[in-house]
PDB file of N, CA and C in Angstrom:
ATOM      1  N   MET A   1      40.047 -53.527  -5.633  1.00  0.00           N
ATOM      2  CA  MET A   1      38.997 -52.627  -6.064  1.00  0.00           C
ATOM      3  C   MET A   1      37.624 -53.154  -5.667  1.00  0.00           C
ATOM      4  N   ASP A   2      37.473 -54.468  -5.708  1.00  0.00           N
ATOM      5  CA  ASP A   2      36.187 -55.085  -5.376  1.00  0.00           C
ATOM      6  C   ASP A   2      35.840 -54.871  -3.900  1.00  0.00           C
ATOM      7  N   LYS A   3      36.845 -54.956  -3.023  1.00  0.00           N
ATOM      8  CA  LYS A   3      36.600 -54.726  -1.597  1.00  0.00           C
ATOM      9  C   LYS A   3      36.218 -53.268  -1.341  1.00  0.00           C
ATOM     10  N   TRP A   4      36.853 -52.365  -2.059  1.00  0.00           N
ATOM     11  CA  TRP A   4      36.558 -50.935  -1.898  1.00  0.00           C
ATOM     12  C   TRP A   4      35.123 -50.634  -2.325  1.00  0.00           C
ATOM     13  N   LEU A   5      34.667 -51.205  -3.419  1.00  0.00           N
ATOM     14  CA  LEU A   5      33.303 -51.007  -3.901  1.00  0.00           C
ATOM     15  C   LEU A   5      32.296 -51.621  -2.926  1.00  0.00           C
ATOM     16  N   SER A   6      32.590 -52.784  -2.420  1.00  0.00           N
ATOM     17  CA  SER A   6      31.722 -53.438  -1.439  1.00  0.00           C
ATOM     18  C   SER A   6      31.628 -52.611  -0.159  1.00  0.00           C
ATOM     19  N   PHE A   7      32.751 -52.059   0.274  1.00  0.00           N
ATOM     20  CA  PHE A   7      32.760 -51.202   1.461  1.00  0.00           C
ATOM     21  C   PHE A   7      31.899 -49.961   1.245  1.00  0.00           C
ATOM     22  N   CYS A   8      32.002 -49.342   0.070  1.00  0.00           N
ATOM     23  CA  CYS A   8      31.206 -48.145  -0.233  1.00  0.00           C
ATOM     24  C   CYS A   8      29.716 -48.477  -0.267  1.00  0.00           C
ATOM     25  N   ILE A   9      29.344 -49.598  -0.842  1.00  0.00           N
ATOM     26  CA  ILE A   9      27.932 -50.000  -0.901  1.00  0.00           C
ATOM     27  C   ILE A   9      27.390 -50.250   0.500  1.00  0.00           C
ATOM     28  N   GLU A  10      28.157 -50.921   1.335  1.00  0.00           N
ATOM     29  CA  GLU A  10      27.730 -51.173   2.712  1.00  0.00           C
ATOM     30  C   GLU A  10      27.595 -49.870   3.499  1.00  0.00           C
ATOM     31  N   THR A  11      28.494 -48.937   3.259  1.00  0.00           N
ATOM     32  CA  THR A  11      28.433 -47.640   3.926  1.00  0.00           C
ATOM     33  C   THR A  11      27.175 -46.886   3.511  1.00  0.00           C
ATOM     34  N   VAL A  12      26.840 -46.923   2.241  1.00  0.00           N
ATOM     35  CA  VAL A  12      25.634 -46.261   1.760  1.00  0.00           C
ATOM     36  C   VAL A  12      24.394 -46.929   2.354  1.00  0.00           C
ATOM     37  N   LYS A  13      24.398 -48.256   2.446  1.00  0.00           N
ATOM     38  CA  LYS A  13      23.259 -48.966   3.043  1.00  0.00           C
ATOM     39  C   LYS A  13      23.054 -48.560   4.495  1.00  0.00           C
ATOM     40  N   VAL A  14      24.138 -48.475   5.249  1.00  0.00           N
ATOM     41  CA  VAL A  14      24.044 -48.082   6.659  1.00  0.00           C
ATOM     42  C   VAL A  14      23.542 -46.648   6.769  1.00  0.00           C
ATOM     43  N   PHE A  15      24.020 -45.761   5.928  1.00  0.00           N
ATOM     44  CA  PHE A  15      23.583 -44.375   5.950  1.00  0.00           C
ATOM     45  C   PHE A  15      22.100 -44.252   5.613  1.00  0.00           C
ATOM     46  N   VAL A  16      21.635 -44.997   4.616  1.00  0.00           N
ATOM     47  CA  VAL A  16      20.223 -44.962   4.239  1.00  0.00           C
ATOM     48  C   VAL A  16      19.365 -45.518   5.371  1.00  0.00           C
ATOM     49  N   MET A  17      19.780 -46.608   5.975  1.00  0.00           N
ATOM     50  CA  MET A  17      19.019 -47.202   7.080  1.00  0.00           C
ATOM     51  C   MET A  17      18.965 -46.251   8.274  1.00  0.00           C
ATOM     52  N   PHE A  18      20.070 -45.605   8.585  1.00  0.00           N
ATOM     53  CA  PHE A  18      20.103 -44.631   9.666  1.00  0.00           C
ATOM     54  C   PHE A  18      19.168 -43.464   9.370  1.00  0.00           C
ATOM     55  N   SER A  19      19.185 -42.978   8.132  1.00  0.00           N
ATOM     56  CA  SER A  19      18.329 -41.848   7.754  1.00  0.00           C
ATOM     57  C   SER A  19      16.855 -42.223   7.852  1.00  0.00           C
ATOM     58  N   VAL A  20      16.495 -43.418   7.393  1.00  0.00           N
ATOM     59  CA  VAL A  20      15.101 -43.866   7.470  1.00  0.00           C
ATOM     60  C   VAL A  20      14.652 -43.971   8.919  1.00  0.00           C
ATOM     61  N   CYS A  21      15.464 -44.568   9.770  1.00  0.00           N
ATOM     62  CA  CYS A  21      15.113 -44.685  11.193  1.00  0.00           C
ATOM     63  C   CYS A  21      15.011 -43.316  11.854  1.00  0.00           C
ATOM     64  N   LEU A  22      15.889 -42.398  11.503  1.00  0.00           N
ATOM     65  CA  LEU A  22      15.857 -41.056  12.061  1.00  0.00           C
ATOM     66  C   LEU A  22      14.586 -40.319  11.640  1.00  0.00           C
ATOM     67  N   ILE A  23      14.178 -40.464  10.399  1.00  0.00           N
ATOM     68  CA  ILE A  23      12.959 -39.811   9.922  1.00  0.00           C
ATOM     69  C   ILE A  23      11.733 -40.406  10.612  1.00  0.00           C
ATOM     70  N   ILE A  24      11.690 -41.723  10.766  1.00  0.00           N
ATOM     71  CA  ILE A  24      10.571 -42.363  11.472  1.00  0.00           C
ATOM     72  C   ILE A  24      10.514 -41.884  12.911  1.00  0.00           C
ATOM     73  N   PHE A  25      11.653 -41.794  13.587  1.00  0.00           N
ATOM     74  CA  PHE A  25      11.702 -41.314  14.963  1.00  0.00           C
ATOM     75  C   PHE A  25      11.221 -39.864  15.044  1.00  0.00           C
ATOM     76  N   TYR A  26      11.673 -39.018  14.118  1.00  0.00           N
ATOM     77  CA  TYR A  26      11.293 -37.605  14.109  1.00  0.00           C
ATOM     78  C   TYR A  26       9.784 -37.450  13.959  1.00  0.00           C
ATOM     79  N   TYR A  27       9.205 -38.119  12.985  1.00  0.00           N
ATOM     80  CA  TYR A  27       7.766 -37.989  12.780  1.00  0.00           C
ATOM     81  C   TYR A  27       6.968 -38.648  13.898  1.00  0.00           C
ATOM     82  N   GLY A  28       7.529 -39.659  14.545  1.00  0.00           N
ATOM     83  CA  GLY A  28       6.880 -40.237  15.719  1.00  0.00           C
ATOM     84  C   GLY A  28       6.826 -39.245  16.873  1.00  0.00           C
ATOM     85  N   ILE A  29       7.903 -38.513  17.091  1.00  0.00           N
ATOM     86  CA  ILE A  29       7.919 -37.489  18.138  1.00  0.00           C
ATOM     87  C   ILE A  29       6.936 -36.368  17.813  1.00  0.00           C
ATOM     88  N   ILE A  30       6.866 -35.961  16.555  1.00  0.00           N
ATOM     89  CA  ILE A  30       5.910 -34.929  16.140  1.00  0.00           C
ATOM     90  C   ILE A  30       4.483 -35.420  16.375  1.00  0.00           C
ATOM     91  N   TRP A  31       4.210 -36.681  16.032  1.00  0.00           N
ATOM     92  CA  TRP A  31       2.873 -37.253  16.220  1.00  0.00           C
ATOM     93  C   TRP A  31       2.501 -37.280  17.702  1.00  0.00           C
ATOM     94  N   LEU A  32       3.436 -37.705  18.570  1.00  0.00           N
ATOM     95  CA  LEU A  32       3.171 -37.724  20.012  1.00  0.00           C
ATOM     96  C   LEU A  32       2.936 -36.321  20.547  1.00  0.00           C
ATOM     97  N   SER A  33       3.715 -35.364  20.089  1.00  0.00           N
ATOM     98  CA  SER A  33       3.551 -33.986  20.537  1.00  0.00           C
ATOM     99  C   SER A  33       2.169 -33.456  20.156  1.00  0.00           C
ATOM    100  N   ASN A  34       1.729 -33.742  18.959  1.00  0.00           N
ATOM    101  CA  ASN A  34       0.412 -33.285  18.520  1.00  0.00           C
ATOM    102  C   ASN A  34      -0.712 -33.991  19.268  1.00  0.00           C
ATOM    103  N   SER A  35      -0.523 -35.254  19.629  1.00  0.00           N
ATOM    104  CA  SER A  35      -1.582 -35.976  20.327  1.00  0.00           C
ATOM    105  C   SER A  35      -1.712 -35.506  21.780  1.00  0.00           C
ATOM    106  N   TYR A  36      -0.626 -35.027  22.379  1.00  0.00           N
ATOM    107  CA  TYR A  36      -0.692 -34.535  23.760  1.00  0.00           C
ATOM    108  C   TYR A  36      -1.035 -33.046  23.832  1.00  0.00           C
ATOM    109  N   GLU A  37      -1.128 -32.383  22.706  1.00  0.00           N
ATOM    110  CA  GLU A  37      -1.353 -30.945  22.695  1.00  0.00           C
ATOM    111  C   GLU A  37      -2.692 -30.559  23.327  1.00  0.00           C
ATOM    112  N   GLY A  38      -3.722 -31.352  23.127  1.00  0.00           N
ATOM    113  CA  GLY A  38      -5.036 -31.023  23.657  1.00  0.00           C
ATOM    114  C   GLY A  38      -5.335 -31.656  24.997  1.00  0.00           C
ATOM    115  N   ASP A  39      -4.359 -32.273  25.635  1.00  0.00           N
ATOM    116  CA  ASP A  39      -4.577 -32.962  26.905  1.00  0.00           C
ATOM    117  C   ASP A  39      -4.774 -31.939  28.027  1.00  0.00           C
ATOM    118  N   ASP A  40      -5.884 -32.047  28.743  1.00  0.00           N
ATOM    119  CA  ASP A  40      -6.208 -31.075  29.798  1.00  0.00           C
ATOM    120  C   ASP A  40      -5.259 -31.162  30.990  1.00  0.00           C
ATOM    121  N   ARG A  41      -4.662 -32.321  31.219  1.00  0.00           N
ATOM    122  CA  ARG A  41      -3.762 -32.467  32.371  1.00  0.00           C
ATOM    123  C   ARG A  41      -2.492 -31.645  32.210  1.00  0.00           C
ATOM    124  N   LEU A  42      -2.147 -31.302  30.981  1.00  0.00           N
ATOM    125  CA  LEU A  42      -0.909 -30.568  30.739  1.00  0.00           C
ATOM    126  C   LEU A  42      -1.104 -29.061  30.676  1.00  0.00           C
ATOM    127  N   LEU A  43      -2.329 -28.592  30.845  1.00  0.00           N
ATOM    128  CA  LEU A  43      -2.585 -27.157  30.805  1.00  0.00           C
ATOM    129  C   LEU A  43      -2.121 -26.485  32.091  1.00  0.00           C
ATOM    130  N   ASN A  44      -1.723 -25.248  31.997  1.00  0.00           N
ATOM    131  CA  ASN A  44      -1.297 -24.487  33.172  1.00  0.00           C
ATOM    132  C   ASN A  44      -2.516 -24.122  34.014  1.00  0.00           C
ATOM    133  N   PRO A  45      -2.347 -24.022  35.326  1.00  0.00           N
ATOM    134  CA  PRO A  45      -3.472 -23.606  36.168  1.00  0.00           C
ATOM    135  C   PRO A  45      -3.858 -22.148  35.884  1.00  0.00           C
ATOM    136  N   HIS A  46      -5.074 -21.778  36.311  1.00  0.00           N
ATOM    137  CA  HIS A  46      -5.573 -20.438  36.030  1.00  0.00           C
ATOM    138  C   HIS A  46      -4.894 -19.376  36.888  1.00  0.00           C
ATOM    139  N   THR A  47      -4.440 -19.744  38.085  1.00  0.00           N
ATOM    140  CA  THR A  47      -3.757 -18.785  38.959  1.00  0.00           C
ATOM    141  C   THR A  47      -2.309 -19.209  39.141  1.00  0.00           C
ATOM    142  N   ASP A  48      -1.497 -18.274  39.595  1.00  0.00           N
ATOM    143  CA  ASP A  48      -0.085 -18.564  39.797  1.00  0.00           C
ATOM    144  C   ASP A  48       0.204 -19.154  41.172  1.00  0.00           C
ATOM    145  N   ALA A  49      -0.690 -18.941  42.128  1.00  0.00           N
ATOM    146  CA  ALA A  49      -0.428 -19.395  43.492  1.00  0.00           C
ATOM    147  C   ALA A  49      -1.646 -20.147  44.031  1.00  0.00           C
ATOM    148  N   GLU A  50      -1.386 -20.960  45.037  1.00  0.00           N
ATOM    149  CA  GLU A  50      -2.460 -21.672  45.714  1.00  0.00           C
ATOM    150  C   GLU A  50      -2.558 -21.169  47.151  1.00  0.00           C
ATOM    151  N   GLN A  51      -3.744 -21.229  47.723  1.00  0.00           N
ATOM    152  CA  GLN A  51      -3.970 -20.741  49.069  1.00  0.00           C
ATOM    153  C   GLN A  51      -3.361 -21.713  50.082  1.00  0.00           C
ATOM    154  N   VAL A  52      -2.722 -21.161  51.120  1.00  0.00           N
ATOM    155  CA  VAL A  52      -2.140 -21.966  52.188  1.00  0.00           C
ATOM    156  C   VAL A  52      -3.258 -22.400  53.116  1.00  0.00           C
ATOM    157  N   GLN A  53      -3.310 -23.698  53.442  1.00  0.00           N
ATOM    158  CA  GLN A  53      -4.401 -24.233  54.252  1.00  0.00           C
ATOM    159  C   GLN A  53      -4.150 -24.096  55.749  1.00  0.00           C
ATOM    160  N   GLY A  54      -2.918 -24.126  56.175  1.00  0.00           N
ATOM    161  CA  GLY A  54      -2.631 -24.024  57.602  1.00  0.00           C
ATOM    162  C   GLY A  54      -1.143 -23.880  57.853  1.00  0.00           C
ATOM    163  N   ILE A  55      -0.789 -23.704  59.138  1.00  0.00           N
ATOM    164  CA  ILE A  55       0.611 -23.544  59.519  1.00  0.00           C
ATOM    165  C   ILE A  55       1.037 -24.816  60.237  1.00  0.00           C
ATOM    166  N   LEU A  56       2.226 -25.286  59.934  1.00  0.00           N
ATOM    167  CA  LEU A  56       2.761 -26.488  60.565  1.00  0.00           C
ATOM    168  C   LEU A  56       3.114 -26.180  62.002  1.00  0.00           C
ATOM    169  N   GLU A  57       2.577 -26.962  62.947  1.00  0.00           N
ATOM    170  CA  GLU A  57       2.782 -26.715  64.377  1.00  0.00           C
ATOM    171  C   GLU A  57       4.184 -27.120  64.822  1.00  0.00           C
ATOM    172  N   LYS A  58       4.637 -28.333  64.460  1.00  0.00           N
ATOM    173  CA  LYS A  58       5.921 -28.833  64.919  1.00  0.00           C
ATOM    174  C   LYS A  58       6.952 -28.719  63.781  1.00  0.00           C
ATOM    175  N   PRO A  59       8.191 -28.439  64.163  1.00  0.00           N
ATOM    176  CA  PRO A  59       9.233 -28.464  63.135  1.00  0.00           C
ATOM    177  C   PRO A  59       9.474 -29.915  62.690  1.00  0.00           C
ATOM    178  N   LEU A  60       9.913 -30.079  61.491  1.00  0.00           N
ATOM    179  CA  LEU A  60      10.129 -31.419  60.942  1.00  0.00           C
ATOM    180  C   LEU A  60      11.298 -32.137  61.580  1.00  0.00           C
ATOM    181  N   LEU A  61      12.277 -31.435  62.090  1.00  0.00           N
ATOM    182  CA  LEU A  61      13.450 -32.067  62.674  1.00  0.00           C
ATOM    183  C   LEU A  61      13.295 -32.292  64.122  1.00  0.00           C
TER     184      LEU A  61
END
């Protein structure tokens, strides 16, 4: 009976530790997402296409 109780306590400890780490990871991802939300480099361009500058003279192969 003592081994069974010890096993259950260890299982609960592992579950609690896993849950704490998972919550810290989740809120860390949320924090990173919010910090990158206002970054200008991640904004979409104003137009959908860019102007072609020239035509390639030689084929690549």
